[in-house]
Each structure stands twice: as C-alpha cells, then as structure tokens.
Amino acid sequence: MAEMKKVTLDSQTQEMLWNVLHGQDEVIADVFGTEVKLTVLNNKADYTEIDDIISEIESDPELQQMLLESDEDIKAGRVYSTDEALRFIKEFRSK
C-alpha cells in the first residue's frame, strides 16, 4: 500500500467536506470517476476526553468548591497575573 499523503484544503472545500462527513465515520465519494473513501480519524476521541474531564470535575466536591471560589474571586475583581500567582506560591512555599 502506498504511503498516505496529508493535504490541507481551502476553507470552502473543508466546509463542503465537513457537511458531507458530519455525523459519519466514513463516506465514499466520487472524485473524477474514482471512488475515494473519506474517513474521520479522530472521531469522538476528543469528545471522550472532554466528557472524562467534565465527569471528573462534576464528581469532585473539593474541585467544585475551588471552581466556585475562583468564579467568586473573578466577579469580585480579585484576579492576578501569572507572575503574581507564581510569586504568591513561592512566598507561601518559603514560609
């Protein structure tokens, strides 16, 4: 079998292919009289990871509390840059 070639398609072609592939794992397309098999390679793998992360967050009360407190801090204007946060962590660790 020949080595696979990866190509980048223009936006219009990508949109047309997405409309054909949407909700399908594989599609057979006629391209100038030749049947071409289009296969989605990462179908649902990314969604599974996201679902796992969501489930983990939803099942961890301590993490839920931290996120709630973070939201409250943001709403109250208590936000810090990455540099400030790192400095606070280093100071806390040195005590």
N, C-alpha and C. Protein backbone atom coordinates (compact mmCIF):
# COMPACT_ATOMS: atom_id res chain seq x y z
N MET A 1 0.83 -1.17 0.00
CA MET A 1 0.00 0.00 0.00
C MET A 1 0.88 1.24 0.00
N ALA A 2 0.51 2.24 -0.77
CA ALA A 2 1.29 3.47 -0.89
C ALA A 2 1.24 4.27 0.41
N GLU A 3 2.27 5.08 0.62
CA GLU A 3 2.31 5.92 1.80
C GLU A 3 1.18 6.96 1.74
N MET A 4 0.57 7.23 2.89
CA MET A 4 -0.52 8.20 2.91
C MET A 4 0.04 9.60 2.80
N LYS A 5 -0.71 10.45 2.13
CA LYS A 5 -0.32 11.84 1.96
C LYS A 5 -1.35 12.71 2.65
N LYS A 6 -0.87 13.68 3.42
CA LYS A 6 -1.77 14.60 4.12
C LYS A 6 -1.77 15.91 3.35
N VAL A 7 -2.98 16.43 3.09
CA VAL A 7 -3.11 17.69 2.36
C VAL A 7 -3.95 18.67 3.17
N THR A 8 -3.73 19.94 2.93
CA THR A 8 -4.54 20.98 3.55
C THR A 8 -5.47 21.54 2.48
N LEU A 9 -6.75 21.59 2.80
CA LEU A 9 -7.75 22.04 1.83
C LEU A 9 -8.14 23.48 2.12
N ASP A 10 -8.57 24.18 1.07
CA ASP A 10 -9.03 25.55 1.28
C ASP A 10 -10.31 25.54 2.10
N SER A 11 -10.66 26.68 2.67
CA SER A 11 -11.80 26.77 3.59
C SER A 11 -13.10 26.30 2.97
N GLN A 12 -13.36 26.67 1.74
CA GLN A 12 -14.62 26.29 1.08
C GLN A 12 -14.70 24.77 0.92
N THR A 13 -13.61 24.15 0.51
CA THR A 13 -13.59 22.69 0.34
C THR A 13 -13.73 22.01 1.69
N GLN A 14 -13.07 22.54 2.73
CA GLN A 14 -13.20 21.97 4.07
C GLN A 14 -14.65 22.00 4.53
N GLU A 15 -15.31 23.13 4.31
CA GLU A 15 -16.70 23.26 4.74
C GLU A 15 -17.60 22.27 4.00
N MET A 16 -17.38 22.12 2.69
CA MET A 16 -18.18 21.18 1.90
C MET A 16 -17.95 19.75 2.39
N LEU A 17 -16.69 19.37 2.64
CA LEU A 17 -16.39 18.02 3.13
C LEU A 17 -16.98 17.80 4.51
N TRP A 18 -16.90 18.81 5.36
CA TRP A 18 -17.46 18.66 6.71
C TRP A 18 -18.95 18.41 6.64
N ASN A 19 -19.64 19.11 5.76
CA ASN A 19 -21.08 18.91 5.61
C ASN A 19 -21.39 17.49 5.14
N VAL A 20 -20.52 16.92 4.32
CA VAL A 20 -20.72 15.54 3.85
C VAL A 20 -20.40 14.55 4.97
N LEU A 21 -19.33 14.79 5.71
CA LEU A 21 -18.88 13.86 6.74
C LEU A 21 -19.63 13.99 8.07
N HIS A 22 -20.24 15.14 8.31
CA HIS A 22 -20.85 15.40 9.62
C HIS A 22 -21.75 14.25 10.06
N GLY A 23 -21.40 13.67 11.21
CA GLY A 23 -22.18 12.57 11.77
C GLY A 23 -21.85 11.22 11.18
N GLN A 24 -20.86 11.17 10.31
CA GLN A 24 -20.47 9.90 9.67
C GLN A 24 -19.03 9.57 10.01
N ASP A 25 -18.72 8.28 10.11
CA ASP A 25 -17.33 7.87 10.31
C ASP A 25 -16.60 7.74 8.98
N GLU A 26 -17.35 7.31 7.95
CA GLU A 26 -16.75 7.11 6.62
C GLU A 26 -17.77 7.48 5.55
N VAL A 27 -17.23 7.99 4.44
CA VAL A 27 -18.06 8.33 3.28
C VAL A 27 -17.28 7.93 2.04
N ILE A 28 -17.98 7.37 1.06
CA ILE A 28 -17.37 7.08 -0.24
C ILE A 28 -17.79 8.21 -1.18
N ALA A 29 -16.79 8.88 -1.78
CA ALA A 29 -17.06 10.00 -2.67
C ALA A 29 -16.56 9.68 -4.07
N ASP A 30 -17.26 10.15 -5.08
CA ASP A 30 -16.83 10.01 -6.46
C ASP A 30 -16.00 11.24 -6.82
N VAL A 31 -14.73 11.04 -7.09
CA VAL A 31 -13.84 12.14 -7.46
C VAL A 31 -13.31 11.85 -8.86
N PHE A 32 -13.84 12.56 -9.85
CA PHE A 32 -13.47 12.37 -11.25
C PHE A 32 -13.56 10.91 -11.68
N GLY A 33 -14.62 10.23 -11.25
CA GLY A 33 -14.86 8.86 -11.66
C GLY A 33 -14.16 7.81 -10.81
N THR A 34 -13.44 8.24 -9.80
CA THR A 34 -12.75 7.31 -8.91
C THR A 34 -13.40 7.37 -7.54
N GLU A 35 -13.73 6.19 -6.99
CA GLU A 35 -14.30 6.17 -5.64
C GLU A 35 -13.20 6.39 -4.61
N VAL A 36 -13.42 7.35 -3.75
CA VAL A 36 -12.46 7.71 -2.71
C VAL A 36 -13.14 7.55 -1.37
N LYS A 37 -12.48 6.88 -0.45
CA LYS A 37 -13.03 6.67 0.89
C LYS A 37 -12.50 7.77 1.81
N LEU A 38 -13.42 8.55 2.39
CA LEU A 38 -13.08 9.59 3.35
C LEU A 38 -13.39 9.05 4.74
N THR A 39 -12.41 9.08 5.62
CA THR A 39 -12.55 8.52 6.96
C THR A 39 -12.20 9.57 8.00
N VAL A 40 -13.03 9.70 9.01
CA VAL A 40 -12.73 10.59 10.13
C VAL A 40 -11.79 9.84 11.06
N LEU A 41 -10.60 10.39 11.29
CA LEU A 41 -9.60 9.69 12.09
C LEU A 41 -9.78 9.88 13.59
N ASN A 42 -10.17 11.06 14.03
CA ASN A 42 -10.29 11.34 15.46
C ASN A 42 -11.74 11.40 15.89
N ASN A 43 -12.58 10.58 15.33
CA ASN A 43 -14.00 10.64 15.64
C ASN A 43 -14.26 10.29 17.10
N LYS A 44 -14.81 11.20 17.84
CA LYS A 44 -15.25 11.05 19.23
C LYS A 44 -14.12 10.90 20.23
N ALA A 45 -12.88 10.74 19.80
CA ALA A 45 -11.79 10.59 20.77
C ALA A 45 -11.65 11.86 21.60
N ASP A 46 -11.69 13.02 20.95
CA ASP A 46 -11.56 14.27 21.67
C ASP A 46 -12.76 14.48 22.59
N TYR A 47 -13.95 14.10 22.13
CA TYR A 47 -15.15 14.25 22.95
C TYR A 47 -15.10 13.37 24.17
N THR A 48 -14.52 12.18 24.03
CA THR A 48 -14.41 11.26 25.16
C THR A 48 -13.53 11.88 26.24
N GLU A 49 -12.41 12.48 25.83
CA GLU A 49 -11.53 13.11 26.80
C GLU A 49 -12.24 14.26 27.51
N ILE A 50 -12.97 15.06 26.76
CA ILE A 50 -13.70 16.18 27.35
C ILE A 50 -14.76 15.65 28.30
N ASP A 51 -15.49 14.62 27.90
CA ASP A 51 -16.51 14.02 28.77
C ASP A 51 -15.88 13.50 30.06
N ASP A 52 -14.69 12.89 29.96
CA ASP A 52 -14.00 12.38 31.14
C ASP A 52 -13.63 13.53 32.09
N ILE A 53 -13.15 14.63 31.52
CA ILE A 53 -12.78 15.78 32.34
C ILE A 53 -14.01 16.36 33.03
N ILE A 54 -15.09 16.51 32.29
CA ILE A 54 -16.33 17.03 32.86
C ILE A 54 -16.82 16.12 33.98
N SER A 55 -16.81 14.81 33.76
CA SER A 55 -17.25 13.87 34.79
C SER A 55 -16.39 13.96 36.04
N GLU A 56 -15.08 14.11 35.83
CA GLU A 56 -14.17 14.22 36.97
C GLU A 56 -14.46 15.48 37.77
N ILE A 57 -14.67 16.59 37.08
CA ILE A 57 -14.97 17.85 37.76
C ILE A 57 -16.29 17.75 38.52
N GLU A 58 -17.31 17.20 37.86
CA GLU A 58 -18.63 17.10 38.47
C GLU A 58 -18.66 16.15 39.67
N SER A 59 -17.77 15.18 39.70
CA SER A 59 -17.79 14.19 40.78
C SER A 59 -16.85 14.54 41.93
N ASP A 60 -16.13 15.65 41.83
CA ASP A 60 -15.17 16.02 42.85
C ASP A 60 -15.64 17.27 43.59
N PRO A 61 -16.24 17.12 44.79
CA PRO A 61 -16.78 18.27 45.52
C PRO A 61 -15.71 19.31 45.86
N GLU A 62 -14.50 18.87 46.17
CA GLU A 62 -13.43 19.80 46.51
C GLU A 62 -13.07 20.67 45.30
N LEU A 63 -12.98 20.05 44.14
CA LEU A 63 -12.69 20.78 42.91
C LEU A 63 -13.84 21.72 42.57
N GLN A 64 -15.07 21.26 42.75
CA GLN A 64 -16.25 22.11 42.52
C GLN A 64 -16.17 23.35 43.40
N GLN A 65 -15.80 23.19 44.67
CA GLN A 65 -15.70 24.31 45.59
C GLN A 65 -14.61 25.28 45.14
N MET A 66 -13.47 24.76 44.72
CA MET A 66 -12.39 25.62 44.24
C MET A 66 -12.83 26.43 43.03
N LEU A 67 -13.53 25.79 42.10
CA LEU A 67 -14.00 26.50 40.91
C LEU A 67 -15.02 27.57 41.27
N LEU A 68 -15.90 27.26 42.20
CA LEU A 68 -16.90 28.23 42.67
C LEU A 68 -16.20 29.43 43.30
N GLU A 69 -15.21 29.17 44.14
CA GLU A 69 -14.46 30.25 44.76
C GLU A 69 -13.71 31.08 43.72
N SER A 70 -13.18 30.43 42.70
CA SER A 70 -12.49 31.15 41.63
C SER A 70 -13.46 32.07 40.90
N ASP A 71 -14.66 31.55 40.60
CA ASP A 71 -15.68 32.38 39.94
C ASP A 71 -16.02 33.59 40.80
N GLU A 72 -16.17 33.37 42.10
CA GLU A 72 -16.49 34.47 43.01
C GLU A 72 -15.36 35.49 43.05
N ASP A 73 -14.11 35.02 43.05
CA ASP A 73 -12.96 35.93 43.03
C ASP A 73 -12.95 36.77 41.76
N ILE A 74 -13.22 36.15 40.64
CA ILE A 74 -13.23 36.87 39.36
C ILE A 74 -14.32 37.94 39.38
N LYS A 75 -15.51 37.57 39.84
CA LYS A 75 -16.62 38.53 39.91
C LYS A 75 -16.31 39.69 40.84
N ALA A 76 -15.56 39.42 41.90
CA ALA A 76 -15.21 40.46 42.86
C ALA A 76 -13.97 41.26 42.44
N GLY A 77 -13.40 40.91 41.30
CA GLY A 77 -12.24 41.64 40.81
C GLY A 77 -10.92 41.19 41.41
N ARG A 78 -10.94 40.08 42.11
CA ARG A 78 -9.71 39.56 42.70
C ARG A 78 -9.04 38.62 41.70
N VAL A 79 -8.35 39.22 40.74
CA VAL A 79 -7.66 38.42 39.72
C VAL A 79 -6.19 38.82 39.71
N TYR A 80 -5.34 37.90 39.36
CA TYR A 80 -3.91 38.11 39.42
C TYR A 80 -3.26 37.62 38.14
N SER A 81 -2.16 38.24 37.78
CA SER A 81 -1.40 37.79 36.61
C SER A 81 -0.70 36.48 36.96
N THR A 82 -0.20 35.80 35.95
CA THR A 82 0.54 34.55 36.17
C THR A 82 1.76 34.82 37.02
N ASP A 83 2.46 35.92 36.73
CA ASP A 83 3.66 36.26 37.51
C ASP A 83 3.32 36.49 38.99
N GLU A 84 2.22 37.20 39.24
CA GLU A 84 1.79 37.44 40.62
C GLU A 84 1.45 36.12 41.31
N ALA A 85 0.73 35.26 40.62
CA ALA A 85 0.35 33.97 41.22
C ALA A 85 1.60 33.14 41.54
N LEU A 86 2.56 33.11 40.64
CA LEU A 86 3.79 32.36 40.89
C LEU A 86 4.55 32.94 42.09
N ARG A 87 4.59 34.28 42.18
CA ARG A 87 5.26 34.92 43.31
C ARG A 87 4.58 34.55 44.63
N PHE A 88 3.23 34.58 44.64
CA PHE A 88 2.48 34.20 45.85
C PHE A 88 2.77 32.75 46.24
N ILE A 89 2.81 31.87 45.25
CA ILE A 89 3.07 30.44 45.52
C ILE A 89 4.47 30.28 46.11
N LYS A 90 5.44 30.95 45.51
CA LYS A 90 6.83 30.84 46.01
C LYS A 90 6.93 31.38 47.43
N GLU A 91 6.26 32.51 47.69
CA GLU A 91 6.28 33.08 49.05
C GLU A 91 5.60 32.13 50.03
N PHE A 92 4.48 31.56 49.64
CA PHE A 92 3.75 30.64 50.52
C PHE A 92 4.61 29.42 50.82
N ARG A 93 5.30 28.90 49.80
CA ARG A 93 6.11 27.71 49.98
C ARG A 93 7.32 27.98 50.87
N SER A 94 7.82 29.20 50.84
CA SER A 94 9.01 29.52 51.62
C SER A 94 8.71 29.74 53.10
N LYS A 95 7.43 29.85 53.47
CA LYS A 95 7.06 30.08 54.88
C LYS A 95 7.07 28.80 55.67
